[in-house]
């Protein structure tokens, strides 16, 4: 792939002209992947990768503002581009440090269920209903309540039965919880999902005149669902 040009960042001389600031000077080096140079009060500045269209940011190395690039801890502009793409794509051996997306959380949850002999059908159902949705590539740590509500409303608009909506959303809940267990950067997503699901069955009853769904599951049922892939209902 051809190298991306940016006169502001290509040379140390050009970078010295940049005003120091906390926000990096960005250049897109691949679809959804950005390389950013953070100009500091005292050089050297740093190269940063912005993955998933800059929805997550990570420092990757120092810029060669004062010393010759060594290809590892000090990079020139061209090396920074390649490093940014590798980090964003998980090809640098540090994929565990990259914030996991919702799609990756669902895949990991399904693998865990399979290893434990659980039912992966509902996990697959959730992924199927998220196909083409930007939520799949959203880092779990950045997932917003509005996104969950939008997805829920889209399911309701399809006139799915209340039980079907529950079976679709529950594995997502379990996958997000599992992701939070393994990444301290993630604020517990439970409240966001419960808030997003609030009123889902009520809306469906009004539109489809469905019978009242089962009451909210207790903690034990929730844990069992996460461990086995079994089905349980989310109440309003």
Protein backbone atom coordinates (compact mmCIF):
# COMPACT_ATOMS: atom_id res chain seq x y z
CA UNK A 1 0.00 0.00 0.00
CA UNK A 2 1.31 3.46 -0.89
CA UNK A 3 2.64 5.63 1.88
CA UNK A 4 0.46 8.51 3.04
CA UNK A 5 2.00 11.98 2.76
CA UNK A 6 1.56 14.85 5.22
CA UNK A 7 3.96 17.78 5.01
CA UNK A 8 3.25 18.74 8.64
CA UNK A 9 4.54 15.45 10.01
CA UNK A 10 7.04 13.97 7.58
CA UNK A 11 10.18 15.64 8.96
CA UNK A 12 11.38 16.73 12.39
CA UNK A 13 11.87 20.25 10.99
CA UNK A 14 8.21 20.44 9.98
CA UNK A 15 7.03 19.01 13.29
CA UNK A 16 8.93 21.69 15.24
CA UNK A 17 6.63 24.28 13.70
CA UNK A 18 3.55 22.65 15.22
CA UNK A 19 2.01 24.26 18.27
CA UNK A 20 2.33 22.04 21.38
CA UNK A 21 -1.07 20.67 22.42
CA UNK A 22 -2.64 17.68 24.08
CA UNK A 23 -4.66 16.69 21.01
CA UNK A 24 -2.55 14.86 18.38
CA UNK A 25 -2.18 16.09 14.82
CA UNK A 26 -3.87 13.31 12.89
CA UNK A 27 -3.42 11.78 9.45
CA UNK A 28 -5.41 8.81 8.19
CA UNK A 29 -3.14 5.97 7.08
CA UNK A 30 -5.80 3.34 6.34
CA UNK A 31 -9.58 3.05 6.53
CA UNK A 32 -10.53 3.61 10.22
CA UNK A 33 -6.83 3.84 11.23
CA UNK A 34 -5.13 7.13 12.08
CA UNK A 35 -1.58 8.09 13.00
CA UNK A 36 -1.32 11.01 15.39
CA UNK A 37 1.64 13.15 16.41
CA UNK A 38 1.39 14.74 19.83
CA UNK A 39 3.53 17.87 19.96
CA UNK A 40 4.85 18.37 23.49
CA UNK A 41 6.25 21.45 25.19
CA UNK A 42 9.57 19.68 25.38
CA UNK A 43 10.42 17.34 22.49
CA UNK A 44 10.42 14.60 21.52
CA UNK A 45 6.78 14.30 20.60
CA UNK A 46 4.99 10.97 20.47
CA UNK A 47 3.32 8.88 17.79
CA UNK A 48 -0.15 7.59 18.62
CA UNK A 49 -2.54 5.26 16.87
CA UNK A 50 -6.22 6.05 16.63
CA UNK A 51 -8.15 2.87 15.96
CA UNK A 52 -11.76 2.45 14.87
CA UNK A 53 -11.81 5.99 13.45
CA UNK A 54 -10.07 7.36 16.58
CA UNK A 55 -12.60 5.91 19.00
CA UNK A 56 -9.64 4.56 20.94
CA UNK A 57 -6.13 6.02 21.12
CA UNK A 58 -2.83 4.49 22.20
CA UNK A 59 0.74 5.77 22.30
CA UNK A 60 3.06 3.63 20.19
CA UNK A 61 6.50 5.31 20.25
CA UNK A 62 8.51 8.53 20.44
CA UNK A 63 9.07 10.53 17.28
CA UNK A 64 12.60 10.95 15.89
CA UNK A 65 12.63 14.63 16.89
CA UNK A 66 15.93 14.41 18.78
CA UNK A 67 17.41 11.03 17.97
CA UNK A 68 17.69 8.78 14.95
CA UNK A 69 14.83 6.33 14.55
CA UNK A 70 15.58 2.81 15.77
CA UNK A 71 12.44 1.12 14.44
CA UNK A 72 11.20 0.24 17.94
CA UNK A 73 10.94 2.90 20.62
CA UNK A 74 11.78 5.80 18.28
CA UNK A 75 10.07 5.99 14.90
CA UNK A 76 10.11 8.31 11.92
CA UNK A 77 6.88 9.28 10.16
CA UNK A 78 6.96 6.34 7.74
CA UNK A 79 7.71 3.78 10.43
CA UNK A 80 4.96 5.32 12.53
CA UNK A 81 2.44 4.61 9.77
CA UNK A 82 3.32 0.92 9.64
CA UNK A 83 3.35 0.61 13.42
CA UNK A 84 -0.06 2.27 13.69
CA UNK A 85 -1.60 -0.18 11.23
CA UNK A 86 -0.10 -3.19 12.97
CA UNK A 87 -1.29 -2.08 16.39
CA UNK A 88 -4.80 -1.27 15.17
CA UNK A 89 -5.05 -4.64 13.41
CA UNK A 90 -3.62 -6.57 16.34
CA UNK A 91 -0.56 -7.67 14.33
CA UNK A 92 2.08 -6.33 16.70
CA UNK A 93 1.84 -9.04 19.37
CA UNK A 94 0.03 -6.74 21.80
CA UNK A 95 -3.56 -7.40 20.75
CA UNK A 96 -4.40 -7.98 24.40
CA UNK A 97 -3.71 -4.30 25.08
CA UNK A 98 -6.02 -3.09 22.35
CA UNK A 99 -9.54 -2.27 23.53
CA UNK A 100 -11.87 -5.07 22.47
CA UNK A 101 -14.84 -4.26 20.29
CA UNK A 102 -18.40 -5.47 20.84
CA UNK A 103 -17.96 -7.96 18.00
CA UNK A 104 -14.79 -9.35 19.55
CA UNK A 105 -16.50 -9.57 22.93
CA UNK A 106 -19.31 -11.64 21.40
CA UNK A 107 -16.80 -13.91 19.63
CA UNK A 108 -14.85 -14.41 22.84
CA UNK A 109 -18.06 -15.17 24.75
CA UNK A 110 -19.09 -17.74 22.15
CA UNK A 111 -15.67 -19.44 22.33
CA UNK A 112 -15.93 -19.60 26.10
CA UNK A 113 -19.39 -21.16 25.89
CA UNK A 114 -18.15 -23.71 23.37
CA UNK A 115 -15.21 -24.63 25.60
CA UNK A 116 -17.59 -25.18 28.53
CA UNK A 117 -20.02 -27.20 26.46
CA UNK A 118 -22.64 -24.44 26.53
CA UNK A 119 -25.16 -23.42 23.88
CA UNK A 120 -23.69 -20.86 21.47
CA UNK A 121 -26.88 -20.42 19.47
CA UNK A 122 -28.05 -17.27 21.24
CA UNK A 123 -24.59 -15.69 21.02
CA UNK A 124 -24.75 -16.28 17.27
CA UNK A 125 -28.25 -14.77 17.20
CA UNK A 126 -27.01 -11.56 18.80
CA UNK A 127 -24.20 -11.25 16.26
CA UNK A 128 -26.61 -11.91 13.40
CA UNK A 129 -28.90 -9.10 14.52
CA UNK A 130 -25.89 -6.78 14.83
CA UNK A 131 -24.73 -7.46 11.28
CA UNK A 132 -24.01 -4.16 9.55
CA UNK A 133 -24.41 -2.24 12.82
CA UNK A 134 -21.57 0.09 13.83
CA UNK A 135 -21.82 -1.29 17.36
CA UNK A 136 -19.87 -4.36 16.27
CA UNK A 137 -16.73 -2.31 15.76
CA UNK A 138 -17.27 -0.07 18.79
CA UNK A 139 -14.86 -0.64 21.69
CA UNK A 140 -16.80 -1.99 24.65
CA UNK A 141 -15.36 0.76 26.85
CA UNK A 142 -16.90 3.40 24.59
CA UNK A 143 -20.31 1.79 24.11
CA UNK A 144 -23.08 4.26 24.88
CA UNK A 145 -26.56 3.71 26.23
CA UNK A 146 -28.03 5.48 23.20
CA UNK A 147 -26.45 2.89 20.90
CA UNK A 148 -27.96 0.04 22.88
CA UNK A 149 -31.36 1.71 22.88
CA UNK A 150 -31.14 2.27 19.14
CA UNK A 151 -30.41 -1.40 18.57
CA UNK A 152 -33.22 -2.45 20.89
CA UNK A 153 -35.67 -0.17 19.10
CA UNK A 154 -34.60 -1.61 15.76
CA UNK A 155 -35.39 -5.10 17.02
CA UNK A 156 -38.78 -3.95 18.24
CA UNK A 157 -39.46 -2.29 14.89
CA UNK A 158 -39.02 -5.68 13.25
CA UNK A 159 -41.99 -6.83 15.34
CA UNK A 160 -39.99 -9.59 17.01
CA UNK A 161 -41.64 -11.36 19.91
CA UNK A 162 -40.65 -10.15 23.39
CA UNK A 163 -38.99 -13.48 24.15
CA UNK A 164 -36.96 -13.21 20.94
CA UNK A 165 -35.73 -9.73 21.85
CA UNK A 166 -34.74 -11.05 25.27
CA UNK A 167 -32.87 -14.01 23.82
CA UNK A 168 -31.07 -11.65 21.46
CA UNK A 169 -30.03 -9.10 24.08
CA UNK A 170 -29.12 -11.42 26.96
CA UNK A 171 -26.01 -12.91 25.31
CA UNK A 172 -24.83 -9.42 24.48
CA UNK A 173 -25.21 -8.55 28.17
CA UNK A 174 -23.15 -11.61 29.13
CA UNK A 175 -20.48 -10.84 26.52
CA UNK A 176 -20.09 -7.27 27.75
CA UNK A 177 -19.83 -8.44 31.34
CA UNK A 178 -17.16 -10.97 30.38
CA UNK A 179 -15.23 -8.27 28.51
CA UNK A 180 -15.37 -6.02 31.58
CA UNK A 181 -13.99 -8.85 33.72
CA UNK A 182 -10.88 -8.91 31.55
CA UNK A 183 -10.31 -5.19 31.00
CA UNK A 184 -10.22 -2.74 33.89
CA UNK A 185 -10.64 0.16 31.45
CA UNK A 186 -14.26 -0.91 30.90
CA UNK A 187 -16.88 0.54 33.22
CA UNK A 188 -19.39 -2.14 34.13
CA UNK A 189 -21.82 -2.23 31.17
CA UNK A 190 -24.68 -3.85 33.10
CA UNK A 191 -26.48 -0.63 33.95
CA UNK A 192 -26.19 0.61 30.38
CA UNK A 193 -27.78 -2.53 28.98
CA UNK A 194 -30.50 -2.73 31.63
CA UNK A 195 -31.36 0.91 31.02
CA UNK A 196 -31.45 0.33 27.29
CA UNK A 197 -33.76 -2.65 27.65
CA UNK A 198 -36.12 -0.90 30.03
CA UNK A 199 -39.59 -0.67 28.54
CA UNK A 200 -38.82 -2.96 25.61
CA UNK A 201 -41.49 -5.50 26.50
CA UNK A 202 -43.99 -2.78 27.36
CA UNK A 203 -43.62 -1.26 23.90
CA UNK A 204 -44.01 -4.64 22.29
CA UNK A 205 -47.13 -5.43 24.31
CA UNK A 206 -48.67 -2.19 23.14
CA UNK A 207 -47.90 -2.87 19.49
CA UNK A 208 -48.36 -6.65 19.37
CA UNK A 209 -50.68 -7.12 22.38
CA UNK A 210 -48.32 -9.77 23.70
CA UNK A 211 -48.76 -11.38 27.08
CA UNK A 212 -46.69 -10.11 29.97
CA UNK A 213 -43.14 -11.49 29.91
CA UNK A 214 -41.54 -13.32 32.76
CA UNK A 215 -40.17 -11.31 35.66
CA UNK A 216 -36.57 -10.13 35.79
CA UNK A 217 -34.02 -12.89 36.46
CA UNK A 218 -32.20 -12.99 39.76
CA UNK A 219 -28.43 -12.93 40.11
CA UNK A 220 -28.10 -16.70 40.07
CA UNK A 221 -30.00 -16.98 36.79
CA UNK A 222 -27.90 -14.21 35.28
CA UNK A 223 -24.67 -15.99 36.22
CA UNK A 224 -26.01 -19.27 34.88
CA UNK A 225 -26.96 -17.65 31.58
CA UNK A 226 -23.51 -16.15 31.17
CA UNK A 227 -21.86 -19.49 31.90
CA UNK A 228 -24.07 -21.78 29.81
CA UNK A 229 -25.68 -19.62 27.14
CA UNK A 230 -29.12 -20.45 28.51
CA UNK A 231 -32.06 -18.12 28.00
CA UNK A 232 -33.63 -15.75 30.49
CA UNK A 233 -35.88 -12.72 30.22
CA UNK A 234 -35.21 -9.05 30.79
CA UNK A 235 -38.15 -7.36 32.44
CA UNK A 236 -39.10 -3.73 31.93
